[in-house]
Amino acid sequence: MGRYYGAEVTVVEDGGRPARFTWNGRVYGVRRILDHWVTVRMDWSPASTSEVPERRHWRVEAGTAHAQGVYELRHDTSTGEWLLSRVWD
């Protein structure tokens, strides 16, 4: 079962893909990308820009030295913000 978080994370990218992320002071190395999709909606766009924002979603297998799991990361291209959206047990 998955849990929703919406927590900000720091992501290091490799060619536009997440390579590792930091959450709660721990660094998680991405071992495998399981899925990737993009969502686009005009109502997310700030009024000051005509740019259509994208949210890029990455479902990854990642872990620390002590544990691994499946995590969903979301990248908002208009703000550059990364969120940890969901964690699967």
PDB file of N, CA and C in Angstrom:
ATOM      1  N   MET A   1       0.843  -1.174   0.000  1.00  0.00           N
ATOM      2  CA  MET A   1       0.000   0.000   0.000  1.00  0.00           C
ATOM      3  C   MET A   1       0.892   1.242   0.000  1.00  0.00           C
ATOM      4  N   GLY A   2       0.493   2.261  -0.723  1.00  0.00           N
ATOM      5  CA  GLY A   2       1.289   3.481  -0.820  1.00  0.00           C
ATOM      6  C   GLY A   2       0.825   4.554   0.145  1.00  0.00           C
ATOM      7  N   ARG A   3       1.766   5.414   0.507  1.00  0.00           N
ATOM      8  CA  ARG A   3       1.464   6.562   1.365  1.00  0.00           C
ATOM      9  C   ARG A   3       1.800   7.831   0.602  1.00  0.00           C
ATOM     10  N   TYR A   4       0.950   8.845   0.740  1.00  0.00           N
ATOM     11  CA  TYR A   4       1.177  10.132   0.090  1.00  0.00           C
ATOM     12  C   TYR A   4       1.959  11.045   1.014  1.00  0.00           C
ATOM     13  N   TYR A   5       2.882  11.822   0.434  1.00  0.00           N
ATOM     14  CA  TYR A   5       3.699  12.717   1.234  1.00  0.00           C
ATOM     15  C   TYR A   5       3.602  14.172   0.803  1.00  0.00           C
ATOM     16  N   GLY A   6       3.950  14.489  -0.431  1.00  0.00           N
ATOM     17  CA  GLY A   6       4.000  15.884  -0.862  1.00  0.00           C
ATOM     18  C   GLY A   6       5.140  16.640  -0.215  1.00  0.00           C
ATOM     19  N   ALA A   7       6.221  15.925   0.121  1.00  0.00           N
ATOM     20  CA  ALA A   7       7.371  16.521   0.798  1.00  0.00           C
ATOM     21  C   ALA A   7       8.384  17.007  -0.233  1.00  0.00           C
ATOM     22  N   GLU A   8       8.941  18.198  -0.003  1.00  0.00           N
ATOM     23  CA  GLU A   8       9.991  18.692  -0.883  1.00  0.00           C
ATOM     24  C   GLU A   8      11.239  17.846  -0.713  1.00  0.00           C
ATOM     25  N   VAL A   9      11.875  17.540  -1.842  1.00  0.00           N
ATOM     26  CA  VAL A   9      13.119  16.791  -1.834  1.00  0.00           C
ATOM     27  C   VAL A   9      14.125  17.494  -2.732  1.00  0.00           C
ATOM     28  N   THR A  10      15.393  17.235  -2.489  1.00  0.00           N
ATOM     29  CA  THR A  10      16.464  17.728  -3.347  1.00  0.00           C
ATOM     30  C   THR A  10      16.864  16.582  -4.260  1.00  0.00           C
ATOM     31  N   VAL A  11      16.855  16.841  -5.570  1.00  0.00           N
ATOM     32  CA  VAL A  11      17.139  15.789  -6.545  1.00  0.00           C
ATOM     33  C   VAL A  11      18.376  16.155  -7.357  1.00  0.00           C
ATOM     34  N   VAL A  12      19.244  15.188  -7.541  1.00  0.00           N
ATOM     35  CA  VAL A  12      20.383  15.320  -8.448  1.00  0.00           C
ATOM     36  C   VAL A  12      19.993  14.565  -9.715  1.00  0.00           C
ATOM     37  N   GLU A  13      20.050  15.265 -10.847  1.00  0.00           N
ATOM     38  CA  GLU A  13      19.645  14.680 -12.116  1.00  0.00           C
ATOM     39  C   GLU A  13      20.846  14.201 -12.923  1.00  0.00           C
ATOM     40  N   ASP A  14      20.576  13.240 -13.776  1.00  0.00           N
ATOM     41  CA  ASP A  14      21.560  12.748 -14.729  1.00  0.00           C
ATOM     42  C   ASP A  14      20.850  12.654 -16.076  1.00  0.00           C
ATOM     43  N   GLY A  15      21.111  13.613 -16.945  1.00  0.00           N
ATOM     44  CA  GLY A  15      20.444  13.634 -18.250  1.00  0.00           C
ATOM     45  C   GLY A  15      18.952  13.879 -18.156  1.00  0.00           C
ATOM     46  N   GLY A  16      18.514  14.661 -17.162  1.00  0.00           N
ATOM     47  CA  GLY A  16      17.092  14.954 -16.988  1.00  0.00           C
ATOM     48  C   GLY A  16      16.337  13.939 -16.155  1.00  0.00           C
ATOM     49  N   ARG A  17      16.998  12.863 -15.784  1.00  0.00           N
ATOM     50  CA  ARG A  17      16.371  11.819 -14.957  1.00  0.00           C
ATOM     51  C   ARG A  17      16.901  11.923 -13.535  1.00  0.00           C
ATOM     52  N   PRO A  18      16.079  11.586 -12.556  1.00  0.00           N
ATOM     53  CA  PRO A  18      16.587  11.608 -11.179  1.00  0.00           C
ATOM     54  C   PRO A  18      17.629  10.507 -10.967  1.00  0.00           C
ATOM     55  N   ALA A  19      18.777  10.888 -10.405  1.00  0.00           N
ATOM     56  CA  ALA A  19      19.844   9.922 -10.111  1.00  0.00           C
ATOM     57  C   ALA A  19      19.895   9.603  -8.618  1.00  0.00           C
ATOM     58  N   ARG A  20      19.587  10.616  -7.790  1.00  0.00           N
ATOM     59  CA  ARG A  20      19.486  10.419  -6.347  1.00  0.00           C
ATOM     60  C   ARG A  20      18.696  11.587  -5.767  1.00  0.00           C
ATOM     61  N   PHE A  21      18.143  11.366  -4.586  1.00  0.00           N
ATOM     62  CA  PHE A  21      17.383  12.422  -3.926  1.00  0.00           C
ATOM     63  C   PHE A  21      17.622  12.372  -2.426  1.00  0.00           C
ATOM     64  N   THR A  22      17.442  13.513  -1.792  1.00  0.00           N
ATOM     65  CA  THR A  22      17.612  13.617  -0.348  1.00  0.00           C
ATOM     66  C   THR A  22      16.251  13.905   0.273  1.00  0.00           C
ATOM     67  N   TRP A  23      15.892  13.089   1.246  1.00  0.00           N
ATOM     68  CA  TRP A  23      14.617  13.229   1.960  1.00  0.00           C
ATOM     69  C   TRP A  23      14.882  12.954   3.431  1.00  0.00           C
ATOM     70  N   ASN A  24      14.443  13.865   4.284  1.00  0.00           N
ATOM     71  CA  ASN A  24      14.636  13.741   5.732  1.00  0.00           C
ATOM     72  C   ASN A  24      16.103  13.508   6.101  1.00  0.00           C
ATOM     73  N   GLY A  25      17.009  14.175   5.397  1.00  0.00           N
ATOM     74  CA  GLY A  25      18.421  14.071   5.708  1.00  0.00           C
ATOM     75  C   GLY A  25      19.116  12.817   5.217  1.00  0.00           C
ATOM     76  N   ARG A  26      18.401  11.950   4.510  1.00  0.00           N
ATOM     77  CA  ARG A  26      18.986  10.720   3.981  1.00  0.00           C
ATOM     78  C   ARG A  26      19.070  10.805   2.457  1.00  0.00           C
ATOM     79  N   VAL A  27      20.152  10.267   1.914  1.00  0.00           N
ATOM     80  CA  VAL A  27      20.341  10.247   0.461  1.00  0.00           C
ATOM     81  C   VAL A  27      19.894   8.889  -0.073  1.00  0.00           C
ATOM     82  N   TYR A  28      19.005   8.925  -1.066  1.00  0.00           N
ATOM     83  CA  TYR A  28      18.477   7.726  -1.701  1.00  0.00           C
ATOM     84  C   TYR A  28      19.017   7.655  -3.125  1.00  0.00           C
ATOM     85  N   GLY A  29      19.737   6.613  -3.439  1.00  0.00           N
ATOM     86  CA  GLY A  29      20.240   6.415  -4.798  1.00  0.00           C
ATOM     87  C   GLY A  29      19.192   5.724  -5.648  1.00  0.00           C
ATOM     88  N   VAL A  30      18.938   6.259  -6.836  1.00  0.00           N
ATOM     89  CA  VAL A  30      17.970   5.653  -7.752  1.00  0.00           C
ATOM     90  C   VAL A  30      18.651   4.467  -8.430  1.00  0.00           C
ATOM     91  N   ARG A  31      18.081   3.304  -8.232  1.00  0.00           N
ATOM     92  CA  ARG A  31      18.640   2.081  -8.814  1.00  0.00           C
ATOM     93  C   ARG A  31      18.015   1.759 -10.162  1.00  0.00           C
ATOM     94  N   ARG A  32      16.714   2.111 -10.291  1.00  0.00           N
ATOM     95  CA  ARG A  32      16.005   1.772 -11.530  1.00  0.00           C
ATOM     96  C   ARG A  32      14.790   2.675 -11.681  1.00  0.00           C
ATOM     97  N   ILE A  33      14.541   3.126 -12.903  1.00  0.00           N
ATOM     98  CA  ILE A  33      13.329   3.893 -13.199  1.00  0.00           C
ATOM     99  C   ILE A  33      12.269   2.895 -13.647  1.00  0.00           C
ATOM    100  N   LEU A  34      11.152   2.886 -12.925  1.00  0.00           N
ATOM    101  CA  LEU A  34      10.079   1.942 -13.212  1.00  0.00           C
ATOM    102  C   LEU A  34       9.045   2.510 -14.173  1.00  0.00           C
ATOM    103  N   ASP A  35       8.816   3.828 -14.092  1.00  0.00           N
ATOM    104  CA  ASP A  35       7.801   4.455 -14.933  1.00  0.00           C
ATOM    105  C   ASP A  35       8.066   5.955 -14.995  1.00  0.00           C
ATOM    106  N   HIS A  36       7.589   6.576 -16.057  1.00  0.00           N
ATOM    107  CA  HIS A  36       7.735   8.026 -16.237  1.00  0.00           C
ATOM    108  C   HIS A  36       6.557   8.518 -17.062  1.00  0.00           C
ATOM    109  N   TRP A  37       5.913   9.601 -16.614  1.00  0.00           N
ATOM    110  CA  TRP A  37       4.820  10.192 -17.375  1.00  0.00           C
ATOM    111  C   TRP A  37       4.785  11.687 -17.112  1.00  0.00           C
ATOM    112  N   VAL A  38       4.087  12.402 -17.991  1.00  0.00           N
ATOM    113  CA  VAL A  38       4.000  13.857 -17.924  1.00  0.00           C
ATOM    114  C   VAL A  38       2.531  14.258 -17.892  1.00  0.00           C
ATOM    115  N   THR A  39       2.200  15.197 -17.000  1.00  0.00           N
ATOM    116  CA  THR A  39       0.861  15.769 -16.981  1.00  0.00           C
ATOM    117  C   THR A  39       0.969  17.252 -17.290  1.00  0.00           C
ATOM    118  N   VAL A  40       0.001  17.772 -18.051  1.00  0.00           N
ATOM    119  CA  VAL A  40      -0.007  19.171 -18.465  1.00  0.00           C
ATOM    120  C   VAL A  40      -1.410  19.725 -18.212  1.00  0.00           C
ATOM    121  N   ARG A  41      -1.446  20.909 -17.565  1.00  0.00           N
ATOM    122  CA  ARG A  41      -2.735  21.574 -17.338  1.00  0.00           C
ATOM    123  C   ARG A  41      -2.528  23.079 -17.377  1.00  0.00           C
ATOM    124  N   MET A  42      -3.390  23.755 -18.102  1.00  0.00           N
ATOM    125  CA  MET A  42      -3.277  25.208 -18.238  1.00  0.00           C
ATOM    126  C   MET A  42      -3.545  25.937 -16.921  1.00  0.00           C
ATOM    127  N   ASP A  43      -4.388  25.399 -16.052  1.00  0.00           N
ATOM    128  CA  ASP A  43      -4.721  26.111 -14.814  1.00  0.00           C
ATOM    129  C   ASP A  43      -3.583  26.103 -13.798  1.00  0.00           C
ATOM    130  N   TRP A  44      -2.483  25.386 -14.061  1.00  0.00           N
ATOM    131  CA  TRP A  44      -1.315  25.438 -13.187  1.00  0.00           C
ATOM    132  C   TRP A  44      -0.420  26.609 -13.533  1.00  0.00           C
ATOM    133  N   SER A  45      -0.648  27.196 -14.703  1.00  0.00           N
ATOM    134  CA  SER A  45       0.250  28.234 -15.213  1.00  0.00           C
ATOM    135  C   SER A  45       0.074  29.543 -14.459  1.00  0.00           C
ATOM    136  N   PRO A  46       1.175  30.136 -13.973  1.00  0.00           N
ATOM    137  CA  PRO A  46       1.075  31.457 -13.350  1.00  0.00           C
ATOM    138  C   PRO A  46       0.565  32.472 -14.372  1.00  0.00           C
ATOM    139  N   ALA A  47      -0.170  33.462 -13.919  1.00  0.00           N
ATOM    140  CA  ALA A  47      -0.759  34.462 -14.816  1.00  0.00           C
ATOM    141  C   ALA A  47       0.300  35.256 -15.572  1.00  0.00           C
ATOM    142  N   SER A  48       1.499  35.329 -15.046  1.00  0.00           N
ATOM    143  CA  SER A  48       2.552  36.137 -15.653  1.00  0.00           C
ATOM    144  C   SER A  48       3.258  35.459 -16.828  1.00  0.00           C
ATOM    145  N   THR A  49       2.882  34.239 -17.158  1.00  0.00           N
ATOM    146  CA  THR A  49       3.555  33.542 -18.248  1.00  0.00           C
ATOM    147  C   THR A  49       2.555  32.831 -19.146  1.00  0.00           C
ATOM    148  N   SER A  50       2.912  32.683 -20.395  1.00  0.00           N
ATOM    149  CA  SER A  50       2.060  31.955 -21.335  1.00  0.00           C
ATOM    150  C   SER A  50       2.541  30.517 -21.494  1.00  0.00           C
ATOM    151  N   GLU A  51       3.568  30.163 -20.762  1.00  0.00           N
ATOM    152  CA  GLU A  51       4.151  28.828 -20.809  1.00  0.00           C
ATOM    153  C   GLU A  51       3.212  27.800 -20.183  1.00  0.00           C
ATOM    154  N   VAL A  52       3.058  26.670 -20.843  1.00  0.00           N
ATOM    155  CA  VAL A  52       2.236  25.602 -20.296  1.00  0.00           C
ATOM    156  C   VAL A  52       3.110  24.756 -19.375  1.00  0.00           C
ATOM    157  N   PRO A  53       2.784  24.717 -18.089  1.00  0.00           N
ATOM    158  CA  PRO A  53       3.629  23.960 -17.155  1.00  0.00           C
ATOM    159  C   PRO A  53       3.420  22.458 -17.290  1.00  0.00           C
ATOM    160  N   GLU A  54       4.496  21.747 -17.075  1.00  0.00           N
ATOM    161  CA  GLU A  54       4.452  20.292 -17.068  1.00  0.00           C
ATOM    162  C   GLU A  54       4.819  19.809 -15.676  1.00  0.00           C
ATOM    163  N   ARG A  55       4.216  18.720 -15.333  1.00  0.00           N
ATOM    164  CA  ARG A  55       4.641  18.006 -14.129  1.00  0.00           C
ATOM    165  C   ARG A  55       5.128  16.646 -14.597  1.00  0.00           C
ATOM    166  N   ARG A  56       6.401  16.394 -14.376  1.00  0.00           N
ATOM    167  CA  ARG A  56       7.008  15.134 -14.777  1.00  0.00           C
ATOM    168  C   ARG A  56       7.047  14.210 -13.559  1.00  0.00           C
ATOM    169  N   HIS A  57       6.484  13.049 -13.730  1.00  0.00           N
ATOM    170  CA  HIS A  57       6.384  12.075 -12.644  1.00  0.00           C
ATOM    171  C   HIS A  57       7.335  10.919 -12.932  1.00  0.00           C
ATOM    172  N   TRP A  58       8.070  10.516 -11.902  1.00  0.00           N
ATOM    173  CA  TRP A  58       9.024   9.415 -12.010  1.00  0.00           C
ATOM    174  C   TRP A  58       8.755   8.411 -10.902  1.00  0.00           C
ATOM    175  N   ARG A  59       8.461   7.177 -11.244  1.00  0.00           N
ATOM    176  CA  ARG A  59       8.358   6.111 -10.246  1.00  0.00           C
ATOM    177  C   ARG A  59       9.686   5.354 -10.298  1.00  0.00           C
ATOM    178  N   VAL A  60      10.377   5.339  -9.164  1.00  0.00           N
ATOM    179  CA  VAL A  60      11.734   4.788  -9.139  1.00  0.00           C
ATOM    180  C   VAL A  60      11.896   3.781  -8.015  1.00  0.00           C
ATOM    181  N   GLU A  61      12.814   2.865  -8.239  1.00  0.00           N
ATOM    182  CA  GLU A  61      13.277   1.991  -7.171  1.00  0.00           C
ATOM    183  C   GLU A  61      14.539   2.652  -6.649  1.00  0.00           C
ATOM    184  N   ALA A  62      14.569   2.934  -5.358  1.00  0.00           N
ATOM    185  CA  ALA A  62      15.693   3.660  -4.768  1.00  0.00           C
ATOM    186  C   ALA A  62      15.911   3.190  -3.351  1.00  0.00           C
ATOM    187  N   GLY A  63      17.059   3.587  -2.806  1.00  0.00           N
ATOM    188  CA  GLY A  63      17.301   3.197  -1.431  1.00  0.00           C
ATOM    189  C   GLY A  63      18.548   3.812  -0.845  1.00  0.00           C
ATOM    190  N   THR A  64      18.714   3.526   0.437  1.00  0.00           N
ATOM    191  CA  THR A  64      19.890   3.924   1.196  1.00  0.00           C
ATOM    192  C   THR A  64      20.733   2.669   1.409  1.00  0.00           C
ATOM    193  N   ALA A  65      21.752   2.791   2.206  1.00  0.00           N
ATOM    194  CA  ALA A  65      22.584   1.631   2.520  1.00  0.00           C
ATOM    195  C   ALA A  65      21.809   0.593   3.337  1.00  0.00           C
ATOM    196  N   HIS A  66      20.731   1.025   4.007  1.00  0.00           N
ATOM    197  CA  HIS A  66      20.003   0.137   4.918  1.00  0.00           C
ATOM    198  C   HIS A  66      18.648  -0.341   4.401  1.00  0.00           C
ATOM    199  N   ALA A  67      18.063   0.342   3.440  1.00  0.00           N
ATOM    200  CA  ALA A  67      16.720  -0.033   2.987  1.00  0.00           C
ATOM    201  C   ALA A  67      16.486   0.434   1.562  1.00  0.00           C
ATOM    202  N   GLN A  68      15.545  -0.228   0.898  1.00  0.00           N
ATOM    203  CA  GLN A  68      15.158   0.222  -0.434  1.00  0.00           C
ATOM    204  C   GLN A  68      13.655   0.130  -0.573  1.00  0.00           C
ATOM    205  N   GLY A  69      13.107   0.860  -1.556  1.00  0.00           N
ATOM    206  CA  GLY A  69      11.679   0.865  -1.769  1.00  0.00           C
ATOM    207  C   GLY A  69      11.351   1.489  -3.109  1.00  0.00           C
ATOM    208  N   VAL A  70      10.071   1.748  -3.319  1.00  0.00           N
ATOM    209  CA  VAL A  70       9.583   2.371  -4.546  1.00  0.00           C
ATOM    210  C   VAL A  70       9.025   3.740  -4.174  1.00  0.00           C
ATOM    211  N   TYR A  71       9.472   4.754  -4.915  1.00  0.00           N
ATOM    212  CA  TYR A  71       9.153   6.146  -4.627  1.00  0.00           C
ATOM    213  C   TYR A  71       8.657   6.828  -5.884  1.00  0.00           C
ATOM    214  N   GLU A  72       7.698   7.733  -5.718  1.00  0.00           N
ATOM    215  CA  GLU A  72       7.239   8.542  -6.844  1.00  0.00           C
ATOM    216  C   GLU A  72       7.682   9.980  -6.614  1.00  0.00           C
ATOM    217  N   LEU A  73       8.481  10.486  -7.553  1.00  0.00           N
ATOM    218  CA  LEU A  73       8.968  11.858  -7.507  1.00  0.00           C
ATOM    219  C   LEU A  73       8.225  12.678  -8.542  1.00  0.00           C
ATOM    220  N   ARG A  74       7.940  13.944  -8.219  1.00  0.00           N
ATOM    221  CA  ARG A  74       7.255  14.835  -9.161  1.00  0.00           C
ATOM    222  C   ARG A  74       8.076  16.095  -9.349  1.00  0.00           C
ATOM    223  N   HIS A  75       8.335  16.435 -10.604  1.00  0.00           N
ATOM    224  CA  HIS A  75       9.103  17.641 -10.939  1.00  0.00           C
ATOM    225  C   HIS A  75       8.184  18.627 -11.639  1.00  0.00           C
ATOM    226  N   ASP A  76       8.022  19.810 -11.050  1.00  0.00           N
ATOM    227  CA  ASP A  76       7.230  20.886 -11.652  1.00  0.00           C
ATOM    228  C   ASP A  76       8.171  21.731 -12.495  1.00  0.00           C
ATOM    229  N   THR A  77       8.017  21.677 -13.823  1.00  0.00           N
ATOM    230  CA  THR A  77       8.965  22.359 -14.702  1.00  0.00           C
ATOM    231  C   THR A  77       8.862  23.879 -14.638  1.00  0.00           C
ATOM    232  N   SER A  78       7.729  24.420 -14.238  1.00  0.00           N
ATOM    233  CA  SER A  78       7.604  25.885 -14.180  1.00  0.00           C
ATOM    234  C   SER A  78       8.305  26.478 -12.961  1.00  0.00           C
ATOM    235  N   THR A  79       8.401  25.724 -11.878  1.00  0.00           N
ATOM    236  CA  THR A  79       9.058  26.223 -10.664  1.00  0.00           C
ATOM    237  C   THR A  79      10.399  25.551 -10.403  1.00  0.00           C
ATOM    238  N   GLY A  80      10.625  24.403 -11.023  1.00  0.00           N
ATOM    239  CA  GLY A  80      11.838  23.632 -10.763  1.00  0.00           C
ATOM    240  C   GLY A  80      11.764  22.812  -9.490  1.00  0.00           C
ATOM    241  N   GLU A  81      10.636  22.832  -8.811  1.00  0.00           N
ATOM    242  CA  GLU A  81      10.465  22.145  -7.530  1.00  0.00           C
ATOM    243  C   GLU A  81      10.276  20.635  -7.718  1.00  0.00           C
ATOM    244  N   TRP A  82      10.915  19.874  -6.845  1.00  0.00           N
ATOM    245  CA  TRP A  82      10.754  18.424  -6.797  1.00  0.00           C
ATOM    246  C   TRP A  82      10.003  18.060  -5.515  1.00  0.00           C
ATOM    247  N   LEU A  83       9.054  17.132  -5.635  1.00  0.00           N
ATOM    248  CA  LEU A  83       8.316  16.622  -4.477  1.00  0.00           C
ATOM    249  C   LEU A  83       8.393  15.105  -4.449  1.00  0.00           C
ATOM    250  N   LEU A  84       8.425  14.580  -3.247  1.00  0.00           N
ATOM    251  CA  LEU A  84       8.216  13.156  -3.065  1.00  0.00           C
ATOM    252  C   LEU A  84       6.710  12.982  -2.928  1.00  0.00           C
ATOM    253  N   SER A  85       6.085  12.419  -3.948  1.00  0.00           N
ATOM    254  CA  SER A  85       4.624  12.312  -3.959  1.00  0.00           C
ATOM    255  C   SER A  85       4.112  11.109  -3.186  1.00  0.00           C
ATOM    256  N   ARG A  86       4.821   9.987  -3.351  1.00  0.00           N
ATOM    257  CA  ARG A  86       4.279   8.758  -2.800  1.00  0.00           C
ATOM    258  C   ARG A  86       5.401   7.769  -2.508  1.00  0.00           C
ATOM    259  N   VAL A  87       5.169   6.924  -1.501  1.00  0.00           N
ATOM    260  CA  VAL A  87       6.106   5.857  -1.143  1.00  0.00           C
ATOM    261  C   VAL A  87       5.311   4.564  -1.005  1.00  0.00           C
ATOM    262  N   TRP A  88       5.833   3.505  -1.610  1.00  0.00           N
ATOM    263  CA  TRP A  88       5.192   2.186  -1.498  1.00  0.00           C
ATOM    264  C   TRP A  88       5.982   1.330  -0.524  1.00  0.00           C
ATOM    265  N   ASP A  89       5.246   0.622   0.318  1.00  0.00           N
ATOM    266  CA  ASP A  89       5.869  -0.284   1.291  1.00  0.00           C
ATOM    267  C   ASP A  89       6.290  -1.573   0.627  1.00  0.00           C
TER     268      ASP A  89
END
